């Protein structure tokens, strides 16, 4: 019974099933902003794409598939999943004109979590039943799902997309300027810096409806990374040149509060501060990589 004792002692280290991450409307309790006038058209495009992926068995790992012999039968349906996860089973049948932006975001995120690409299949010849999937790959399925849905979202004026990297991958976020979007995609994966503060800051900043405090917290998170690597900047660009990188964090009312700090600035300043801080994080990584290359050359 040694194996049982070892299993019991390691129980606390085993991964726990915590269920799906919170969906859009569950994450944002504040009132919804007015929807774009092209929301119904976007909903229709998304539903058409989901129907196409359903025919290709993209959700069959969870939702099963039609088979005359019942080979693809499972214990749940999309309506039941929307009810269980969101309390919104009506999204299956309600007219597109009645959807809110929250409904669209919730629907897209749930289907993302259900997506899984078929990797093997077999042909069921009886009654010409058709091709049935037998193996799946969730990572590539979700990746392609994000790509297809983002193509549709990019055609709208909603200013939304599915995050492709970072802590919020597979969750709807507000769009950013193209150059910033590229930087966020690059730095959003924790492997880019090996520091969880950076992807967490990105997730705080780009969530749709981010508050002023959300944005401040995002800049502070990036500031923690920069403080930890202050010596890298000082050694590379001299102390006098490196100091301005940290004056922003101290002169604006972000993480400390005193009479000498600037407060009451517009949100656009916070956007600039975040972009600037994230670009500085990227600079630190470039300097670290260059120093590593010099020592190994």
Protein backbone atom coordinates (compact mmCIF):
# COMPACT_ATOMS: atom_id res chain seq x y z
CA UNK A 1 0.00 0.00 0.00
CA UNK A 2 3.04 2.27 -0.25
CA UNK A 3 1.67 3.76 -3.46
CA UNK A 4 -1.55 4.74 -1.73
CA UNK A 5 0.31 6.45 1.10
CA UNK A 6 2.46 8.35 -1.41
CA UNK A 7 -0.65 9.41 -3.32
CA UNK A 8 -2.31 10.63 -0.12
CA UNK A 9 0.75 12.63 0.92
CA UNK A 10 0.94 14.30 -2.53
CA UNK A 11 -2.78 15.12 -2.64
CA UNK A 12 -2.26 18.80 -1.80
CA UNK A 13 0.07 19.19 -4.78
CA UNK A 14 -2.38 17.71 -7.30
CA UNK A 15 -4.11 20.18 -9.67
CA UNK A 16 -7.64 21.07 -8.61
CA UNK A 17 -10.61 21.26 -10.96
CA UNK A 18 -11.71 24.85 -10.40
CA UNK A 19 -14.14 24.97 -13.31
CA UNK A 20 -14.06 27.43 -16.21
CA UNK A 21 -12.64 30.92 -15.73
CA UNK A 22 -15.32 33.62 -15.22
CA UNK A 23 -17.05 34.66 -18.42
CA UNK A 24 -17.57 38.21 -19.69
CA UNK A 25 -20.64 39.37 -17.79
CA UNK A 26 -19.47 37.53 -14.67
CA UNK A 27 -16.18 39.49 -14.72
CA UNK A 28 -17.76 42.89 -15.33
CA UNK A 29 -20.55 43.91 -12.96
CA UNK A 30 -20.76 47.52 -14.11
CA UNK A 31 -23.45 48.66 -16.50
CA UNK A 32 -22.88 47.96 -20.15
CA UNK A 33 -21.84 50.67 -22.58
CA UNK A 34 -24.17 51.39 -25.49
CA UNK A 35 -23.82 48.71 -28.16
CA UNK A 36 -22.47 49.45 -31.61
CA UNK A 37 -25.05 49.74 -34.36
CA UNK A 38 -23.44 46.79 -36.18
CA UNK A 39 -23.83 44.47 -33.19
CA UNK A 40 -26.67 42.39 -34.76
CA UNK A 41 -24.64 41.89 -37.95
CA UNK A 42 -21.63 40.76 -35.92
CA UNK A 43 -23.80 38.37 -33.90
CA UNK A 44 -25.12 36.86 -37.15
CA UNK A 45 -21.61 36.38 -38.52
CA UNK A 46 -20.44 34.75 -35.30
CA UNK A 47 -23.42 32.40 -35.21
CA UNK A 48 -22.86 31.40 -38.84
CA UNK A 49 -19.20 30.67 -38.07
CA UNK A 50 -20.13 28.64 -34.99
CA UNK A 51 -22.60 26.63 -37.10
CA UNK A 52 -19.85 25.97 -39.64
CA UNK A 53 -17.44 24.80 -36.95
CA UNK A 54 -20.17 22.65 -35.43
CA UNK A 55 -20.64 20.85 -38.77
CA UNK A 56 -16.89 20.27 -38.78
CA UNK A 57 -17.17 18.72 -35.29
CA UNK A 58 -15.15 21.47 -33.61
CA UNK A 59 -17.23 21.18 -30.42
CA UNK A 60 -17.92 17.45 -30.58
CA UNK A 61 -15.49 16.55 -27.79
CA UNK A 62 -17.92 18.12 -25.31
CA UNK A 63 -21.22 18.34 -27.21
CA UNK A 64 -21.04 15.09 -29.18
CA UNK A 65 -22.30 14.61 -32.75
CA UNK A 66 -25.21 13.07 -34.65
CA UNK A 67 -24.98 9.35 -35.36
CA UNK A 68 -27.71 6.86 -36.30
CA UNK A 69 -26.20 4.37 -33.84
CA UNK A 70 -25.77 6.94 -31.07
CA UNK A 71 -21.96 6.77 -31.20
CA UNK A 72 -21.65 10.51 -30.66
CA UNK A 73 -24.16 10.77 -27.85
CA UNK A 74 -23.13 12.79 -24.75
CA UNK A 75 -24.90 14.05 -21.65
CA UNK A 76 -25.01 17.76 -22.52
CA UNK A 77 -26.03 20.20 -25.24
CA UNK A 78 -24.90 23.72 -26.12
CA UNK A 79 -28.12 25.08 -24.61
CA UNK A 80 -27.38 23.25 -21.35
CA UNK A 81 -23.78 24.47 -21.34
CA UNK A 82 -24.89 28.08 -21.83
CA UNK A 83 -27.38 27.62 -19.01
CA UNK A 84 -24.88 25.97 -16.67
CA UNK A 85 -22.03 28.38 -17.34
CA UNK A 86 -23.96 31.64 -17.86
CA UNK A 87 -27.61 31.15 -17.07
CA UNK A 88 -28.32 32.15 -20.70
CA UNK A 89 -29.83 29.15 -22.54
CA UNK A 90 -31.94 31.56 -24.63
CA UNK A 91 -28.90 32.56 -26.71
CA UNK A 92 -29.49 29.44 -28.81
CA UNK A 93 -32.76 30.75 -30.21
CA UNK A 94 -33.17 34.46 -29.43
CA UNK A 95 -33.11 36.83 -32.42
CA UNK A 96 -29.81 38.63 -33.09
CA UNK A 97 -31.48 42.03 -32.67
CA UNK A 98 -32.17 41.18 -29.02
CA UNK A 99 -28.58 40.29 -28.13
CA UNK A 100 -26.56 42.69 -26.01
CA UNK A 101 -22.83 43.18 -26.34
CA UNK A 102 -22.46 41.21 -23.10
CA UNK A 103 -24.39 38.33 -24.69
CA UNK A 104 -22.04 38.27 -27.67
CA UNK A 105 -18.94 38.32 -25.48
CA UNK A 106 -20.29 35.57 -23.22
CA UNK A 107 -21.28 33.38 -26.18
CA UNK A 108 -17.92 33.76 -27.91
CA UNK A 109 -16.00 32.93 -24.73
CA UNK A 110 -18.04 29.82 -23.89
CA UNK A 111 -17.62 28.45 -27.41
CA UNK A 112 -13.89 29.14 -27.13
CA UNK A 113 -13.72 26.94 -24.05
CA UNK A 114 -15.60 24.18 -25.87
CA UNK A 115 -13.54 24.31 -29.07
CA UNK A 116 -11.30 21.34 -29.85
CA UNK A 117 -9.95 20.44 -33.31
CA UNK A 118 -10.65 16.90 -34.57
CA UNK A 119 -7.35 15.17 -35.33
CA UNK A 120 -8.63 11.69 -36.27
CA UNK A 121 -11.92 10.49 -37.72
CA UNK A 122 -13.61 7.43 -39.18
CA UNK A 123 -16.31 7.00 -41.78
CA UNK A 124 -19.54 5.43 -40.58
CA UNK A 125 -20.96 3.82 -43.72
CA UNK A 126 -24.22 2.55 -42.25
CA UNK A 127 -27.05 4.63 -43.71
CA UNK A 128 -24.30 6.86 -45.08
CA UNK A 129 -24.01 8.31 -41.55
CA UNK A 130 -20.84 10.23 -42.33
CA UNK A 131 -17.44 11.09 -40.88
CA UNK A 132 -17.16 10.89 -37.09
CA UNK A 133 -14.30 12.34 -35.02
CA UNK A 134 -12.35 10.04 -32.70
CA UNK A 135 -9.53 12.27 -31.34
CA UNK A 136 -9.15 15.98 -30.65
CA UNK A 137 -6.58 18.69 -29.93
CA UNK A 138 -7.92 21.50 -27.74
CA UNK A 139 -4.96 23.90 -27.99
CA UNK A 140 -4.91 24.09 -31.79
CA UNK A 141 -8.71 24.08 -31.92
CA UNK A 142 -8.96 27.06 -29.60
CA UNK A 143 -6.17 28.84 -31.46
CA UNK A 144 -7.92 28.51 -34.81
CA UNK A 145 -11.24 29.44 -33.21
CA UNK A 146 -9.70 32.68 -31.88
CA UNK A 147 -8.29 33.47 -35.32
CA UNK A 148 -11.62 32.94 -37.08
CA UNK A 149 -13.67 34.89 -34.55
CA UNK A 150 -11.16 37.76 -34.52
CA UNK A 151 -11.48 38.04 -38.28
CA UNK A 152 -15.20 38.66 -37.78
CA UNK A 153 -14.71 41.06 -34.89
CA UNK A 154 -12.18 43.05 -36.92
CA UNK A 155 -14.93 43.73 -39.47
CA UNK A 156 -17.03 45.45 -36.79
CA UNK A 157 -16.73 48.74 -34.94
CA UNK A 158 -17.12 47.09 -31.54
CA UNK A 159 -13.44 47.50 -30.65
CA UNK A 160 -13.25 43.95 -29.28
CA UNK A 161 -11.21 40.83 -29.94
CA UNK A 162 -10.37 37.53 -28.33
CA UNK A 163 -7.03 37.73 -26.54
CA UNK A 164 -4.57 35.31 -28.12
CA UNK A 165 -1.86 35.37 -25.45
CA UNK A 166 -1.44 36.14 -21.78
CA UNK A 167 -3.51 35.60 -18.67
CA UNK A 168 -6.68 36.54 -20.56
CA UNK A 169 -6.16 34.32 -23.63
CA UNK A 170 -9.57 33.21 -24.87
CA UNK A 171 -11.32 36.13 -23.19
CA UNK A 172 -12.68 39.23 -24.90
CA UNK A 173 -10.57 42.38 -24.56
CA UNK A 174 -10.71 45.85 -26.02
CA UNK A 175 -8.55 46.49 -29.06
CA UNK A 176 -5.38 48.58 -28.87
CA UNK A 177 -3.44 50.64 -31.42
CA UNK A 178 -1.68 48.29 -33.90
CA UNK A 179 1.88 48.85 -32.65
CA UNK A 180 0.79 48.47 -29.02
CA UNK A 181 -1.19 45.34 -29.94
CA UNK A 182 1.95 43.76 -31.34
CA UNK A 183 3.90 44.64 -28.19
CA UNK A 184 1.14 43.26 -25.97
CA UNK A 185 1.01 40.00 -27.96
CA UNK A 186 4.78 39.66 -27.64
CA UNK A 187 4.99 40.41 -23.92
CA UNK A 188 1.69 38.83 -22.87
CA UNK A 189 3.12 35.34 -22.56
CA UNK A 190 4.81 34.80 -19.22
CA UNK A 191 7.72 33.08 -20.99
CA UNK A 192 8.68 36.44 -22.55
CA UNK A 193 9.86 37.76 -19.18
CA UNK A 194 9.43 34.81 -16.77
CA UNK A 195 7.63 37.29 -14.53
CA UNK A 196 3.87 36.90 -13.86
CA UNK A 197 3.51 40.64 -13.11
CA UNK A 198 3.76 41.50 -16.82
CA UNK A 199 0.94 39.31 -18.25
CA UNK A 200 -1.20 40.18 -15.23
CA UNK A 201 -0.69 43.90 -15.90
CA UNK A 202 -1.67 43.41 -19.54
CA UNK A 203 -4.83 41.56 -18.52
CA UNK A 204 -5.75 44.37 -16.10
CA UNK A 205 -5.19 47.09 -18.66
CA UNK A 206 -6.86 45.74 -21.78
CA UNK A 207 -10.05 44.29 -20.31
CA UNK A 208 -13.07 46.03 -21.83
CA UNK A 209 -14.45 48.59 -19.40
CA UNK A 210 -11.15 48.86 -17.50
CA UNK A 211 -11.52 51.49 -14.78
CA UNK A 212 -9.02 54.20 -13.90
CA UNK A 213 -7.94 52.08 -10.92
CA UNK A 214 -7.49 49.04 -13.19
CA UNK A 215 -5.17 51.04 -15.42
CA UNK A 216 -3.23 52.46 -12.47
CA UNK A 217 -2.77 48.95 -11.08
CA UNK A 218 -1.52 47.78 -14.48
CA UNK A 219 1.13 50.51 -14.62
CA UNK A 220 2.19 49.72 -11.03
CA UNK A 221 2.55 46.01 -11.92
CA UNK A 222 4.90 46.93 -14.76
CA UNK A 223 6.73 49.28 -12.40
CA UNK A 224 7.44 46.33 -10.08
CA UNK A 225 9.17 44.54 -12.93
CA UNK A 226 11.20 47.64 -13.83
CA UNK A 227 12.25 48.22 -10.21
CA UNK A 228 13.51 44.65 -10.03
CA UNK A 229 15.63 45.29 -13.13
CA UNK A 230 16.71 48.86 -12.40
CA UNK A 231 20.35 47.79 -12.43
CA UNK A 232 20.01 46.51 -16.00
CA UNK A 233 18.95 49.95 -17.21
CA UNK A 234 21.50 51.78 -15.05
CA UNK A 235 24.39 49.64 -16.30
CA UNK A 236 23.29 49.94 -19.93
CA UNK A 237 22.29 53.60 -20.33
CA UNK A 238 23.88 55.25 -17.26
CA UNK A 239 22.06 56.25 -14.09
CA UNK A 240 21.23 59.78 -15.26
CA UNK A 241 19.50 58.38 -18.33
CA UNK A 242 17.80 55.55 -16.45
CA UNK A 243 16.32 57.68 -13.67
CA UNK A 244 13.55 59.19 -15.87
CA UNK A 245 12.20 55.68 -16.38
CA UNK A 246 11.25 55.65 -12.69
CA UNK A 247 10.32 59.30 -12.19
CA UNK A 248 6.99 58.67 -13.91
CA UNK A 249 6.01 56.13 -11.27
CA UNK A 250 6.91 58.51 -8.45
CA UNK A 251 5.74 61.89 -9.79
CA UNK A 252 2.28 60.73 -10.81
CA UNK A 253 -0.18 59.52 -8.18
CA UNK A 254 0.06 55.85 -9.04
CA UNK A 255 1.56 53.82 -6.21
CA UNK A 256 2.43 56.49 -3.59
CA UNK A 257 0.38 59.48 -2.54
CA UNK A 258 1.79 62.80 -1.33
CA UNK A 259 1.21 66.49 -1.94
CA UNK A 260 3.96 66.72 -4.55
CA UNK A 261 2.45 64.14 -6.88
CA UNK A 262 0.37 64.94 -9.93
CA UNK A 263 -3.21 63.66 -9.73
CA UNK A 264 -6.41 64.38 -11.59
CA UNK A 265 -4.74 63.77 -14.97
CA UNK A 266 -6.91 62.41 -17.82
CA UNK A 267 -7.14 58.70 -18.57
CA UNK A 268 -5.16 59.27 -21.76
CA UNK A 269 -2.13 59.88 -19.55
CA UNK A 270 -2.60 56.44 -18.01
CA UNK A 271 -2.77 54.93 -21.50
CA UNK A 272 0.50 56.66 -22.37
CA UNK A 273 2.07 55.54 -19.09
CA UNK A 274 1.12 51.92 -19.73
CA UNK A 275 2.42 51.94 -23.30
CA UNK A 276 5.63 53.60 -22.16
CA UNK A 277 6.15 51.19 -19.25
CA UNK A 278 5.49 48.12 -21.40
CA UNK A 279 7.94 49.36 -24.04
CA UNK A 280 10.51 49.81 -21.25
CA UNK A 281 9.89 46.23 -20.10
CA UNK A 282 10.63 45.16 -23.69
CA UNK A 283 13.83 47.25 -23.62
CA UNK A 284 14.94 45.53 -20.42
CA UNK A 285 14.45 42.13 -22.07
CA UNK A 286 16.50 43.23 -25.09
CA UNK A 287 19.31 44.45 -22.80
CA UNK A 288 19.26 41.22 -20.79
CA UNK A 289 19.40 39.14 -23.98
CA UNK A 290 22.28 41.22 -25.33
CA UNK A 291 24.23 40.86 -22.08
CA UNK A 292 23.64 37.10 -22.08
CA UNK A 293 24.84 36.84 -25.67
CA UNK A 294 28.03 38.78 -24.84
CA UNK A 295 28.88 36.47 -21.94
CA UNK A 296 28.32 33.31 -23.98
CA UNK A 297 30.15 34.53 -27.09
